[in-house]
């Protein structure tokens, strides 16, 4: 039986989330979504994703803080992190440096680029 790789998408832009989720599901990934940082952290602890795609500009907290909370959770230490953002400011860039080298894609993202980075981080959708 094939096992699907799991992806959590945390982004407050509902249209972008819907598009990313649909695109990744068609490629064999199991995808769950959250629209706030707090919901993303809680969902990550239940879902245990292989990859978390996190918007840096969330309404309730900074996406880099969400990533730190995920990486600090014992069950999530193997979860890879990828950031997406509408614009990458110097301030956001500095926060990313604090939590290590992570992929950052600027929206709007080309689907081929998203898939390239996802596959580089966690491989194909099914194992």
PDB file of N, CA and C in Angstrom:
ATOM      1  N   UNK A   1       0.829  -1.187   0.000  1.00  0.00           N
ATOM      2  CA  UNK A   1       0.000   0.000   0.000  1.00  0.00           C
ATOM      3  C   UNK A   1       0.874   1.251   0.000  1.00  0.00           C
ATOM      4  N   UNK A   2       0.539   2.207  -0.857  1.00  0.00           N
ATOM      5  CA  UNK A   2       1.311   3.435  -0.941  1.00  0.00           C
ATOM      6  C   UNK A   2       1.027   4.342   0.242  1.00  0.00           C
ATOM      7  N   UNK A   3       2.065   4.993   0.718  1.00  0.00           N
ATOM      8  CA  UNK A   3       1.939   5.921   1.829  1.00  0.00           C
ATOM      9  C   UNK A   3       2.163   7.337   1.290  1.00  0.00           C
ATOM     10  N   UNK A   4       1.233   8.244   1.587  1.00  0.00           N
ATOM     11  CA  UNK A   4       1.333   9.611   1.085  1.00  0.00           C
ATOM     12  C   UNK A   4       2.190  10.468   2.009  1.00  0.00           C
ATOM     13  N   UNK A   5       3.043  11.306   1.413  1.00  0.00           N
ATOM     14  CA  UNK A   5       3.785  12.303   2.187  1.00  0.00           C
ATOM     15  C   UNK A   5       2.803  13.388   2.602  1.00  0.00           C
ATOM     16  N   UNK A   6       2.983  13.920   3.808  1.00  0.00           N
ATOM     17  CA  UNK A   6       2.038  14.886   4.373  1.00  0.00           C
ATOM     18  C   UNK A   6       2.598  16.305   4.319  1.00  0.00           C
ATOM     19  N   UNK A   7       1.731  17.234   3.916  1.00  0.00           N
ATOM     20  CA  UNK A   7       2.101  18.651   3.851  1.00  0.00           C
ATOM     21  C   UNK A   7       1.053  19.471   4.589  1.00  0.00           C
ATOM     22  N   UNK A   8       1.527  20.383   5.421  1.00  0.00           N
ATOM     23  CA  UNK A   8       0.685  21.366   6.090  1.00  0.00           C
ATOM     24  C   UNK A   8       0.930  22.711   5.422  1.00  0.00           C
ATOM     25  N   UNK A   9      -0.133  23.384   5.010  1.00  0.00           N
ATOM     26  CA  UNK A   9      -0.026  24.735   4.451  1.00  0.00           C
ATOM     27  C   UNK A   9      -0.667  25.700   5.438  1.00  0.00           C
ATOM     28  N   UNK A  10       0.095  26.722   5.858  1.00  0.00           N
ATOM     29  CA  UNK A  10      -0.413  27.737   6.777  1.00  0.00           C
ATOM     30  C   UNK A  10      -0.337  29.081   6.064  1.00  0.00           C
ATOM     31  N   UNK A  11      -1.493  29.588   5.658  1.00  0.00           N
ATOM     32  CA  UNK A  11      -1.563  30.839   4.905  1.00  0.00           C
ATOM     33  C   UNK A  11      -2.951  31.431   5.084  1.00  0.00           C
ATOM     34  N   UNK A  12      -3.029  32.739   5.265  1.00  0.00           N
ATOM     35  CA  UNK A  12      -4.328  33.375   5.465  1.00  0.00           C
ATOM     36  C   UNK A  12      -5.028  33.727   4.160  1.00  0.00           C
ATOM     37  N   UNK A  13      -4.358  33.580   3.035  1.00  0.00           N
ATOM     38  CA  UNK A  13      -4.978  33.844   1.732  1.00  0.00           C
ATOM     39  C   UNK A  13      -5.675  32.571   1.261  1.00  0.00           C
ATOM     40  N   UNK A  14      -6.985  32.521   1.460  1.00  0.00           N
ATOM     41  CA  UNK A  14      -7.746  31.302   1.207  1.00  0.00           C
ATOM     42  C   UNK A  14      -7.624  30.804  -0.231  1.00  0.00           C
ATOM     43  N   UNK A  15      -7.597  31.710  -1.188  1.00  0.00           N
ATOM     44  CA  UNK A  15      -7.486  31.298  -2.587  1.00  0.00           C
ATOM     45  C   UNK A  15      -6.138  30.635  -2.861  1.00  0.00           C
ATOM     46  N   UNK A  16      -5.077  31.203  -2.311  1.00  0.00           N
ATOM     47  CA  UNK A  16      -3.745  30.616  -2.485  1.00  0.00           C
ATOM     48  C   UNK A  16      -3.668  29.245  -1.832  1.00  0.00           C
ATOM     49  N   UNK A  17      -4.229  29.122  -0.631  1.00  0.00           N
ATOM     50  CA  UNK A  17      -4.230  27.843   0.074  1.00  0.00           C
ATOM     51  C   UNK A  17      -4.976  26.795  -0.736  1.00  0.00           C
ATOM     52  N   UNK A  18      -6.153  27.141  -1.214  1.00  0.00           N
ATOM     53  CA  UNK A  18      -6.950  26.214  -2.016  1.00  0.00           C
ATOM     54  C   UNK A  18      -6.169  25.760  -3.252  1.00  0.00           C
ATOM     55  N   UNK A  19      -5.537  26.708  -3.931  1.00  0.00           N
ATOM     56  CA  UNK A  19      -4.789  26.393  -5.146  1.00  0.00           C
ATOM     57  C   UNK A  19      -3.601  25.484  -4.838  1.00  0.00           C
ATOM     58  N   UNK A  20      -2.791  25.851  -3.840  1.00  0.00           N
ATOM     59  CA  UNK A  20      -1.621  25.028  -3.481  1.00  0.00           C
ATOM     60  C   UNK A  20      -2.048  23.624  -3.072  1.00  0.00           C
ATOM     61  N   UNK A  21      -3.094  23.540  -2.236  1.00  0.00           N
ATOM     62  CA  UNK A  21      -3.556  22.232  -1.748  1.00  0.00           C
ATOM     63  C   UNK A  21      -4.036  21.356  -2.901  1.00  0.00           C
ATOM     64  N   UNK A  22      -4.833  21.921  -3.776  1.00  0.00           N
ATOM     65  CA  UNK A  22      -5.356  21.153  -4.916  1.00  0.00           C
ATOM     66  C   UNK A  22      -4.204  20.658  -5.803  1.00  0.00           C
ATOM     67  N   UNK A  23      -3.269  21.541  -6.080  1.00  0.00           N
ATOM     68  CA  UNK A  23      -2.123  21.202  -6.921  1.00  0.00           C
ATOM     69  C   UNK A  23      -1.301  20.067  -6.293  1.00  0.00           C
ATOM     70  N   UNK A  24      -1.019  20.163  -5.007  1.00  0.00           N
ATOM     71  CA  UNK A  24      -0.198  19.149  -4.340  1.00  0.00           C
ATOM     72  C   UNK A  24      -0.935  17.824  -4.155  1.00  0.00           C
ATOM     73  N   UNK A  25      -2.238  17.881  -3.896  1.00  0.00           N
ATOM     74  CA  UNK A  25      -3.028  16.645  -3.775  1.00  0.00           C
ATOM     75  C   UNK A  25      -3.021  15.870  -5.088  1.00  0.00           C
ATOM     76  N   UNK A  26      -3.097  16.582  -6.218  1.00  0.00           N
ATOM     77  CA  UNK A  26      -3.072  15.917  -7.525  1.00  0.00           C
ATOM     78  C   UNK A  26      -1.746  15.203  -7.769  1.00  0.00           C
ATOM     79  N   UNK A  27      -0.721  15.608  -7.066  1.00  0.00           N
ATOM     80  CA  UNK A  27       0.590  14.983  -7.214  1.00  0.00           C
ATOM     81  C   UNK A  27       0.871  13.956  -6.134  1.00  0.00           C
ATOM     82  N   UNK A  28      -0.173  13.545  -5.414  1.00  0.00           N
ATOM     83  CA  UNK A  28      -0.048  12.424  -4.492  1.00  0.00           C
ATOM     84  C   UNK A  28       0.248  12.772  -3.049  1.00  0.00           C
ATOM     85  N   UNK A  29       0.283  14.062  -2.698  1.00  0.00           N
ATOM     86  CA  UNK A  29       0.547  14.451  -1.318  1.00  0.00           C
ATOM     87  C   UNK A  29      -0.761  14.516  -0.531  1.00  0.00           C
ATOM     88  N   UNK A  30      -0.687  14.214   0.759  1.00  0.00           N
ATOM     89  CA  UNK A  30      -1.816  14.424   1.664  1.00  0.00           C
ATOM     90  C   UNK A  30      -1.639  15.827   2.243  1.00  0.00           C
ATOM     91  N   UNK A  31      -2.645  16.672   2.104  1.00  0.00           N
ATOM     92  CA  UNK A  31      -2.505  18.083   2.464  1.00  0.00           C
ATOM     93  C   UNK A  31      -3.592  18.507   3.444  1.00  0.00           C
ATOM     94  N   UNK A  32      -3.179  19.237   4.489  1.00  0.00           N
ATOM     95  CA  UNK A  32      -4.116  19.906   5.379  1.00  0.00           C
ATOM     96  C   UNK A  32      -3.736  21.380   5.417  1.00  0.00           C
ATOM     97  N   UNK A  33      -4.722  22.217   5.763  1.00  0.00           N
ATOM     98  CA  UNK A  33      -4.473  23.655   5.718  1.00  0.00           C
ATOM     99  C   UNK A  33      -4.951  24.344   6.992  1.00  0.00           C
ATOM    100  N   UNK A  34      -4.328  25.487   7.270  1.00  0.00           N
ATOM    101  CA  UNK A  34      -4.716  26.349   8.377  1.00  0.00           C
ATOM    102  C   UNK A  34      -4.558  27.793   7.899  1.00  0.00           C
ATOM    103  N   UNK A  35      -5.378  28.686   8.479  1.00  0.00           N
ATOM    104  CA  UNK A  35      -5.347  30.089   8.056  1.00  0.00           C
ATOM    105  C   UNK A  35      -4.740  31.018   9.096  1.00  0.00           C
ATOM    106  N   UNK A  36      -4.378  30.492  10.258  1.00  0.00           N
ATOM    107  CA  UNK A  36      -3.690  31.297  11.280  1.00  0.00           C
ATOM    108  C   UNK A  36      -2.496  30.504  11.803  1.00  0.00           C
ATOM    109  N   UNK A  37      -1.569  31.224  12.407  1.00  0.00           N
ATOM    110  CA  UNK A  37      -0.410  30.555  12.976  1.00  0.00           C
ATOM    111  C   UNK A  37      -0.766  29.599  14.098  1.00  0.00           C
ATOM    112  N   UNK A  38      -1.646  30.023  15.000  1.00  0.00           N
ATOM    113  CA  UNK A  38      -2.048  29.165  16.120  1.00  0.00           C
ATOM    114  C   UNK A  38      -2.701  27.883  15.629  1.00  0.00           C
ATOM    115  N   UNK A  39      -3.595  28.009  14.645  1.00  0.00           N
ATOM    116  CA  UNK A  39      -4.240  26.815  14.081  1.00  0.00           C
ATOM    117  C   UNK A  39      -3.213  25.917  13.394  1.00  0.00           C
ATOM    118  N   UNK A  40      -2.243  26.537  12.736  1.00  0.00           N
ATOM    119  CA  UNK A  40      -1.195  25.766  12.062  1.00  0.00           C
ATOM    120  C   UNK A  40      -0.359  24.952  13.031  1.00  0.00           C
ATOM    121  N   UNK A  41       0.003  25.562  14.147  1.00  0.00           N
ATOM    122  CA  UNK A  41       0.795  24.871  15.173  1.00  0.00           C
ATOM    123  C   UNK A  41      -0.002  23.691  15.746  1.00  0.00           C
ATOM    124  N   UNK A  42      -1.263  23.939  16.073  1.00  0.00           N
ATOM    125  CA  UNK A  42      -2.100  22.869  16.628  1.00  0.00           C
ATOM    126  C   UNK A  42      -2.296  21.733  15.629  1.00  0.00           C
ATOM    127  N   UNK A  43      -2.534  22.083  14.377  1.00  0.00           N
ATOM    128  CA  UNK A  43      -2.750  21.070  13.343  1.00  0.00           C
ATOM    129  C   UNK A  43      -1.470  20.276  13.082  1.00  0.00           C
ATOM    130  N   UNK A  44      -0.330  20.939  13.124  1.00  0.00           N
ATOM    131  CA  UNK A  44       0.948  20.248  12.908  1.00  0.00           C
ATOM    132  C   UNK A  44       1.152  19.153  13.950  1.00  0.00           C
ATOM    133  N   UNK A  45       0.777  19.435  15.194  1.00  0.00           N
ATOM    134  CA  UNK A  45       0.978  18.460  16.258  1.00  0.00           C
ATOM    135  C   UNK A  45       0.065  17.243  16.123  1.00  0.00           C
ATOM    136  N   UNK A  46      -1.071  17.406  15.458  1.00  0.00           N
ATOM    137  CA  UNK A  46      -1.980  16.276  15.219  1.00  0.00           C
ATOM    138  C   UNK A  46      -1.634  15.527  13.937  1.00  0.00           C
ATOM    139  N   UNK A  47      -1.274  16.271  12.894  1.00  0.00           N
ATOM    140  CA  UNK A  47      -1.074  15.738  11.546  1.00  0.00           C
ATOM    141  C   UNK A  47       0.340  15.194  11.326  1.00  0.00           C
ATOM    142  N   UNK A  48       1.328  15.719  12.020  1.00  0.00           N
ATOM    143  CA  UNK A  48       2.749  15.360  11.900  1.00  0.00           C
ATOM    144  C   UNK A  48       3.186  15.397  10.419  1.00  0.00           C
ATOM    145  N   UNK A  49       3.258  16.588   9.830  1.00  0.00           N
ATOM    146  CA  UNK A  49       3.595  16.686   8.409  1.00  0.00           C
ATOM    147  C   UNK A  49       5.078  16.446   8.131  1.00  0.00           C
ATOM    148  N   UNK A  50       5.357  16.003   6.919  1.00  0.00           N
ATOM    149  CA  UNK A  50       6.737  15.911   6.451  1.00  0.00           C
ATOM    150  C   UNK A  50       7.256  17.308   6.120  1.00  0.00           C
ATOM    151  N   UNK A  51       6.348  18.185   5.678  1.00  0.00           N
ATOM    152  CA  UNK A  51       6.697  19.543   5.252  1.00  0.00           C
ATOM    153  C   UNK A  51       5.624  20.512   5.715  1.00  0.00           C
ATOM    154  N   UNK A  52       6.050  21.669   6.209  1.00  0.00           N
ATOM    155  CA  UNK A  52       5.129  22.763   6.522  1.00  0.00           C
ATOM    156  C   UNK A  52       5.475  23.930   5.597  1.00  0.00           C
ATOM    157  N   UNK A  53       4.487  24.376   4.817  1.00  0.00           N
ATOM    158  CA  UNK A  53       4.638  25.544   3.954  1.00  0.00           C
ATOM    159  C   UNK A  53       3.944  26.682   4.687  1.00  0.00           C
ATOM    160  N   UNK A  54       4.708  27.690   5.090  1.00  0.00           N
ATOM    161  CA  UNK A  54       4.198  28.718   5.994  1.00  0.00           C
ATOM    162  C   UNK A  54       4.356  30.107   5.383  1.00  0.00           C
ATOM    163  N   UNK A  55       3.253  30.855   5.376  1.00  0.00           N
ATOM    164  CA  UNK A  55       3.290  32.253   4.956  1.00  0.00           C
ATOM    165  C   UNK A  55       3.962  33.060   6.061  1.00  0.00           C
ATOM    166  N   UNK A  56       4.853  33.957   5.690  1.00  0.00           N
ATOM    167  CA  UNK A  56       5.513  34.779   6.704  1.00  0.00           C
ATOM    168  C   UNK A  56       4.582  35.832   7.290  1.00  0.00           C
ATOM    169  N   UNK A  57       3.586  36.276   6.533  1.00  0.00           N
ATOM    170  CA  UNK A  57       2.700  37.346   6.986  1.00  0.00           C
ATOM    171  C   UNK A  57       1.337  36.853   7.407  1.00  0.00           C
ATOM    172  N   UNK A  58       1.257  36.160   8.529  1.00  0.00           N
ATOM    173  CA  UNK A  58      -0.025  35.654   9.042  1.00  0.00           C
ATOM    174  C   UNK A  58      -0.692  36.715   9.921  1.00  0.00           C
ATOM    175  N   UNK A  59      -2.010  36.649  10.078  1.00  0.00           N
ATOM    176  CA  UNK A  59      -2.714  37.691  10.825  1.00  0.00           C
ATOM    177  C   UNK A  59      -2.451  37.679  12.337  1.00  0.00           C
ATOM    178  N   UNK A  60      -2.185  36.517  12.912  1.00  0.00           N
ATOM    179  CA  UNK A  60      -2.053  36.439  14.362  1.00  0.00           C
ATOM    180  C   UNK A  60      -0.624  36.350  14.870  1.00  0.00           C
ATOM    181  N   UNK A  61       0.300  35.940  14.015  1.00  0.00           N
ATOM    182  CA  UNK A  61       1.700  35.838  14.422  1.00  0.00           C
ATOM    183  C   UNK A  61       2.586  35.725  13.194  1.00  0.00           C
ATOM    184  N   UNK A  62       3.840  35.980  13.365  1.00  0.00           N
ATOM    185  CA  UNK A  62       4.790  35.911  12.268  1.00  0.00           C
ATOM    186  C   UNK A  62       5.030  34.455  11.879  1.00  0.00           C
ATOM    187  N   UNK A  63       5.117  34.186  10.577  1.00  0.00           N
ATOM    188  CA  UNK A  63       5.332  32.825  10.103  1.00  0.00           C
ATOM    189  C   UNK A  63       6.619  32.205  10.613  1.00  0.00           C
ATOM    190  N   UNK A  64       7.655  33.026  10.831  1.00  0.00           N
ATOM    191  CA  UNK A  64       8.902  32.467  11.357  1.00  0.00           C
ATOM    192  C   UNK A  64       8.713  31.970  12.791  1.00  0.00           C
ATOM    193  N   UNK A  65       7.826  32.636  13.545  1.00  0.00           N
ATOM    194  CA  UNK A  65       7.520  32.159  14.905  1.00  0.00           C
ATOM    195  C   UNK A  65       6.760  30.835  14.866  1.00  0.00           C
ATOM    196  N   UNK A  66       5.882  30.680  13.886  1.00  0.00           N
ATOM    197  CA  UNK A  66       5.171  29.413  13.698  1.00  0.00           C
ATOM    198  C   UNK A  66       6.192  28.300  13.430  1.00  0.00           C
ATOM    199  N   UNK A  67       7.147  28.591  12.562  1.00  0.00           N
ATOM    200  CA  UNK A  67       8.170  27.595  12.228  1.00  0.00           C
ATOM    201  C   UNK A  67       8.977  27.191  13.463  1.00  0.00           C
ATOM    202  N   UNK A  68       9.346  28.158  14.283  1.00  0.00           N
ATOM    203  CA  UNK A  68      10.109  27.849  15.495  1.00  0.00           C
ATOM    204  C   UNK A  68       9.301  26.943  16.417  1.00  0.00           C
ATOM    205  N   UNK A  69       8.014  27.249  16.606  1.00  0.00           N
ATOM    206  CA  UNK A  69       7.159  26.419  17.470  1.00  0.00           C
ATOM    207  C   UNK A  69       7.058  24.994  16.928  1.00  0.00           C
ATOM    208  N   UNK A  70       6.942  24.865  15.615  1.00  0.00           N
ATOM    209  CA  UNK A  70       6.875  23.536  15.006  1.00  0.00           C
ATOM    210  C   UNK A  70       8.188  22.788  15.222  1.00  0.00           C
ATOM    211  N   UNK A  71       9.300  23.460  14.988  1.00  0.00           N
ATOM    212  CA  UNK A  71      10.606  22.806  15.099  1.00  0.00           C
ATOM    213  C   UNK A  71      10.952  22.445  16.544  1.00  0.00           C
ATOM    214  N   UNK A  72      10.364  23.152  17.507  1.00  0.00           N
ATOM    215  CA  UNK A  72      10.628  22.865  18.920  1.00  0.00           C
ATOM    216  C   UNK A  72       9.834  21.666  19.438  1.00  0.00           C
ATOM    217  N   UNK A  73       8.769  21.304  18.751  1.00  0.00           N
ATOM    218  CA  UNK A  73       7.937  20.180  19.207  1.00  0.00           C
ATOM    219  C   UNK A  73       8.663  18.853  18.937  1.00  0.00           C
ATOM    220  N   UNK A  74       8.816  18.017  19.939  1.00  0.00           N
ATOM    221  CA  UNK A  74       9.558  16.756  19.771  1.00  0.00           C
ATOM    222  C   UNK A  74       9.066  15.885  18.611  1.00  0.00           C
ATOM    223  N   UNK A  75       7.760  15.779  18.430  1.00  0.00           N
ATOM    224  CA  UNK A  75       7.232  14.942  17.347  1.00  0.00           C
ATOM    225  C   UNK A  75       7.438  15.549  15.959  1.00  0.00           C
ATOM    226  N   UNK A  76       7.804  16.816  15.905  1.00  0.00           N
ATOM    227  CA  UNK A  76       7.904  17.522  14.621  1.00  0.00           C
ATOM    228  C   UNK A  76       9.338  17.861  14.234  1.00  0.00           C
ATOM    229  N   UNK A  77      10.304  17.300  14.932  1.00  0.00           N
ATOM    230  CA  UNK A  77      11.701  17.674  14.677  1.00  0.00           C
ATOM    231  C   UNK A  77      12.175  17.305  13.271  1.00  0.00           C
ATOM    232  N   UNK A  78      11.514  16.357  12.621  1.00  0.00           N
ATOM    233  CA  UNK A  78      11.888  15.968  11.257  1.00  0.00           C
ATOM    234  C   UNK A  78      11.121  16.755  10.188  1.00  0.00           C
ATOM    235  N   UNK A  79      10.160  17.585  10.604  1.00  0.00           N
ATOM    236  CA  UNK A  79       9.353  18.353   9.651  1.00  0.00           C
ATOM    237  C   UNK A  79      10.215  19.410   8.966  1.00  0.00           C
ATOM    238  N   UNK A  80      10.195  19.407   7.653  1.00  0.00           N
ATOM    239  CA  UNK A  80      10.901  20.422   6.864  1.00  0.00           C
ATOM    240  C   UNK A  80      10.024  21.672   6.790  1.00  0.00           C
ATOM    241  N   UNK A  81      10.674  22.829   6.616  1.00  0.00           N
ATOM    242  CA  UNK A  81       9.969  24.103   6.567  1.00  0.00           C
ATOM    243  C   UNK A  81      10.259  24.800   5.243  1.00  0.00           C
ATOM    244  N   UNK A  82       9.199  25.341   4.636  1.00  0.00           N
ATOM    245  CA  UNK A  82       9.329  26.184   3.443  1.00  0.00           C
ATOM    246  C   UNK A  82       8.461  27.416   3.680  1.00  0.00           C
ATOM    247  N   UNK A  83       9.003  28.585   3.404  1.00  0.00           N
ATOM    248  CA  UNK A  83       8.251  29.818   3.579  1.00  0.00           C
ATOM    249  C   UNK A  83       7.747  30.345   2.254  1.00  0.00           C
ATOM    250  N   UNK A  84       6.571  30.985   2.298  1.00  0.00           N
ATOM    251  CA  UNK A  84       6.058  31.727   1.157  1.00  0.00           C
ATOM    252  C   UNK A  84       5.683  33.115   1.664  1.00  0.00           C
ATOM    253  N   UNK A  85       5.784  34.110   0.798  1.00  0.00           N
ATOM    254  CA  UNK A  85       5.484  35.464   1.204  1.00  0.00           C
ATOM    255  C   UNK A  85       5.150  36.316  -0.010  1.00  0.00           C
ATOM    256  N   UNK A  86       4.346  37.347   0.223  1.00  0.00           N
ATOM    257  CA  UNK A  86       4.030  38.287  -0.851  1.00  0.00           C
ATOM    258  C   UNK A  86       5.233  39.145  -1.179  1.00  0.00           C
ATOM    259  N   UNK A  87       5.951  39.550  -0.162  1.00  0.00           N
ATOM    260  CA  UNK A  87       7.188  40.314  -0.329  1.00  0.00           C
ATOM    261  C   UNK A  87       8.132  39.892   0.777  1.00  0.00           C
ATOM    262  N   UNK A  88       9.398  39.913   0.499  1.00  0.00           N
ATOM    263  CA  UNK A  88      10.396  39.538   1.492  1.00  0.00           C
ATOM    264  C   UNK A  88      11.131  40.801   1.920  1.00  0.00           C
ATOM    265  N   UNK A  89      10.791  41.293   3.109  1.00  0.00           N
ATOM    266  CA  UNK A  89      11.437  42.491   3.630  1.00  0.00           C
ATOM    267  C   UNK A  89      12.762  42.111   4.288  1.00  0.00           C
ATOM    268  N   UNK A  90      13.602  43.111   4.536  1.00  0.00           N
ATOM    269  CA  UNK A  90      14.860  42.853   5.247  1.00  0.00           C
ATOM    270  C   UNK A  90      14.586  42.275   6.634  1.00  0.00           C
ATOM    271  N   UNK A  91      13.528  42.759   7.298  1.00  0.00           N
ATOM    272  CA  UNK A  91      13.179  42.267   8.625  1.00  0.00           C
ATOM    273  C   UNK A  91      12.823  40.787   8.575  1.00  0.00           C
ATOM    274  N   UNK A  92      11.992  40.391   7.586  1.00  0.00           N
ATOM    275  CA  UNK A  92      11.632  38.981   7.453  1.00  0.00           C
ATOM    276  C   UNK A  92      12.855  38.146   7.126  1.00  0.00           C
ATOM    277  N   UNK A  93      13.712  38.651   6.266  1.00  0.00           N
ATOM    278  CA  UNK A  93      14.926  37.925   5.917  1.00  0.00           C
ATOM    279  C   UNK A  93      15.787  37.668   7.132  1.00  0.00           C
ATOM    280  N   UNK A  94      15.881  38.642   8.020  1.00  0.00           N
ATOM    281  CA  UNK A  94      16.651  38.481   9.248  1.00  0.00           C
ATOM    282  C   UNK A  94      16.066  37.425  10.154  1.00  0.00           C
ATOM    283  N   UNK A  95      14.737  37.362  10.240  1.00  0.00           N
ATOM    284  CA  UNK A  95      14.090  36.351  11.077  1.00  0.00           C
ATOM    285  C   UNK A  95      14.323  34.958  10.516  1.00  0.00           C
ATOM    286  N   UNK A  96      14.340  34.835   9.209  1.00  0.00           N
ATOM    287  CA  UNK A  96      14.578  33.529   8.599  1.00  0.00           C
ATOM    288  C   UNK A  96      15.982  33.052   8.932  1.00  0.00           C
ATOM    289  N   UNK A  97      16.953  33.954   8.910  1.00  0.00           N
ATOM    290  CA  UNK A  97      18.321  33.580   9.235  1.00  0.00           C
ATOM    291  C   UNK A  97      18.425  33.029  10.654  1.00  0.00           C
ATOM    292  N   UNK A  98      17.575  33.491  11.557  1.00  0.00           N
ATOM    293  CA  UNK A  98      17.630  33.035  12.941  1.00  0.00           C
ATOM    294  C   UNK A  98      17.224  31.576  13.098  1.00  0.00           C
ATOM    295  N   UNK A  99      16.450  31.050  12.173  1.00  0.00           N
ATOM    296  CA  UNK A  99      16.004  29.661  12.310  1.00  0.00           C
ATOM    297  C   UNK A  99      16.621  28.763  11.244  1.00  0.00           C
ATOM    298  N   UNK A 100      17.694  29.208  10.662  1.00  0.00           N
ATOM    299  CA  UNK A 100      18.414  28.377   9.710  1.00  0.00           C
ATOM    300  C   UNK A 100      18.002  28.620   8.277  1.00  0.00           C
ATOM    301  N   UNK A 101      18.733  28.018   7.397  1.00  0.00           N
ATOM    302  CA  UNK A 101      18.459  28.175   5.970  1.00  0.00           C
ATOM    303  C   UNK A 101      17.193  27.424   5.599  1.00  0.00           C
ATOM    304  N   UNK A 102      16.233  28.146   5.077  1.00  0.00           N
ATOM    305  CA  UNK A 102      14.964  27.572   4.644  1.00  0.00           C
ATOM    306  C   UNK A 102      14.654  28.112   3.258  1.00  0.00           C
ATOM    307  N   UNK A 103      13.922  27.343   2.492  1.00  0.00           N
ATOM    308  CA  UNK A 103      13.483  27.833   1.189  1.00  0.00           C
ATOM    309  C   UNK A 103      12.429  28.904   1.382  1.00  0.00           C
ATOM    310  N   UNK A 104      12.543  29.982   0.608  1.00  0.00           N
ATOM    311  CA  UNK A 104      11.563  31.061   0.644  1.00  0.00           C
ATOM    312  C   UNK A 104      11.125  31.333  -0.784  1.00  0.00           C
ATOM    313  N   UNK A 105       9.816  31.211  -1.041  1.00  0.00           N
ATOM    314  CA  UNK A 105       9.262  31.521  -2.353  1.00  0.00           C
ATOM    315  C   UNK A 105       8.387  32.754  -2.238  1.00  0.00           C
ATOM    316  N   UNK A 106       8.479  33.636  -3.230  1.00  0.00           N
ATOM    317  CA  UNK A 106       7.672  34.843  -3.240  1.00  0.00           C
ATOM    318  C   UNK A 106       6.427  34.603  -4.077  1.00  0.00           C
ATOM    319  N   UNK A 107       5.254  34.976  -3.509  1.00  0.00           N
ATOM    320  CA  UNK A 107       3.985  34.852  -4.232  1.00  0.00           C
ATOM    321  C   UNK A 107       3.871  35.992  -5.238  1.00  0.00           C
ATOM    322  N   UNK A 108       3.240  35.766  -6.355  1.00  0.00           N
ATOM    323  CA  UNK A 108       2.690  34.475  -6.767  1.00  0.00           C
ATOM    324  C   UNK A 108       3.809  33.523  -7.184  1.00  0.00           C
ATOM    325  N   UNK A 109       3.681  32.269  -6.794  1.00  0.00           N
ATOM    326  CA  UNK A 109       4.682  31.242  -7.087  1.00  0.00           C
ATOM    327  C   UNK A 109       4.256  30.441  -8.311  1.00  0.00           C
ATOM    328  N   UNK A 110       5.199  30.128  -9.158  1.00  0.00           N
ATOM    329  CA  UNK A 110       4.915  29.230 -10.278  1.00  0.00           C
ATOM    330  C   UNK A 110       4.798  27.812  -9.728  1.00  0.00           C
ATOM    331  N   UNK A 111       3.799  27.076 -10.193  1.00  0.00           N
ATOM    332  CA  UNK A 111       3.552  25.742  -9.654  1.00  0.00           C
ATOM    333  C   UNK A 111       4.738  24.810  -9.856  1.00  0.00           C
ATOM    334  N   UNK A 112       5.443  24.957 -10.966  1.00  0.00           N
ATOM    335  CA  UNK A 112       6.604  24.101 -11.201  1.00  0.00           C
ATOM    336  C   UNK A 112       7.693  24.359 -10.159  1.00  0.00           C
ATOM    337  N   UNK A 113       7.853  25.612  -9.749  1.00  0.00           N
ATOM    338  CA  UNK A 113       8.855  25.956  -8.739  1.00  0.00           C
ATOM    339  C   UNK A 113       8.455  25.389  -7.381  1.00  0.00           C
ATOM    340  N   UNK A 114       7.165  25.483  -7.046  1.00  0.00           N
ATOM    341  CA  UNK A 114       6.683  24.914  -5.781  1.00  0.00           C
ATOM    342  C   UNK A 114       6.961  23.415  -5.743  1.00  0.00           C
ATOM    343  N   UNK A 115       6.591  22.725  -6.806  1.00  0.00           N
ATOM    344  CA  UNK A 115       6.792  21.278  -6.854  1.00  0.00           C
ATOM    345  C   UNK A 115       8.275  20.924  -6.794  1.00  0.00           C
ATOM    346  N   UNK A 116       9.114  21.694  -7.463  1.00  0.00           N
ATOM    347  CA  UNK A 116      10.558  21.452  -7.439  1.00  0.00           C
ATOM    348  C   UNK A 116      11.094  21.522  -6.010  1.00  0.00           C
ATOM    349  N   UNK A 117      10.699  22.546  -5.273  1.00  0.00           N
ATOM    350  CA  UNK A 117      11.183  22.707  -3.903  1.00  0.00           C
ATOM    351  C   UNK A 117      10.601  21.622  -2.990  1.00  0.00           C
ATOM    352  N   UNK A 118       9.314  21.333  -3.117  1.00  0.00           N
ATOM    353  CA  UNK A 118       8.682  20.288  -2.304  1.00  0.00           C
ATOM    354  C   UNK A 118       9.388  18.949  -2.536  1.00  0.00           C
ATOM    355  N   UNK A 119       9.603  18.588  -3.788  1.00  0.00           N
ATOM    356  CA  UNK A 119      10.268  17.314  -4.086  1.00  0.00           C
ATOM    357  C   UNK A 119      11.709  17.304  -3.592  1.00  0.00           C
ATOM    358  N   UNK A 120      12.384  18.446  -3.638  1.00  0.00           N
ATOM    359  CA  UNK A 120      13.747  18.515  -3.132  1.00  0.00           C
ATOM    360  C   UNK A 120      13.771  18.290  -1.618  1.00  0.00           C
ATOM    361  N   UNK A 121      12.765  18.804  -0.924  1.00  0.00           N
ATOM    362  CA  UNK A 121      12.726  18.698   0.528  1.00  0.00           C
ATOM    363  C   UNK A 121      12.227  17.345   1.022  1.00  0.00           C
ATOM    364  N   UNK A 122      11.171  16.801   0.408  1.00  0.00           N
ATOM    365  CA  UNK A 122      10.585  15.561   0.958  1.00  0.00           C
ATOM    366  C   UNK A 122      10.361  14.455  -0.062  1.00  0.00           C
ATOM    367  N   UNK A 123      10.712  14.684  -1.311  1.00  0.00           N
ATOM    368  CA  UNK A 123      10.534  13.648  -2.315  1.00  0.00           C
ATOM    369  C   UNK A 123       9.144  13.669  -2.925  1.00  0.00           C
ATOM    370  N   UNK A 124       8.850  12.655  -3.707  1.00  0.00           N
ATOM    371  CA  UNK A 124       7.562  12.552  -4.399  1.00  0.00           C
ATOM    372  C   UNK A 124       6.433  12.331  -3.398  1.00  0.00           C
ATOM    373  N   UNK A 125       5.202  12.520  -3.872  1.00  0.00           N
ATOM    374  CA  UNK A 125       4.020  12.469  -3.005  1.00  0.00           C
ATOM    375  C   UNK A 125       3.716  11.121  -2.383  1.00  0.00           C
ATOM    376  N   UNK A 126       4.134  10.039  -3.024  1.00  0.00           N
ATOM    377  CA  UNK A 126       3.850   8.707  -2.481  1.00  0.00           C
ATOM    378  C   UNK A 126       5.139   7.919  -2.351  1.00  0.00           C
ATOM    379  N   UNK A 127       5.180   7.088  -1.317  1.00  0.00           N
ATOM    380  CA  UNK A 127       6.353   6.221  -1.143  1.00  0.00           C
ATOM    381  C   UNK A 127       5.927   4.771  -1.083  1.00  0.00           C
TER     382      UNK A 127
END
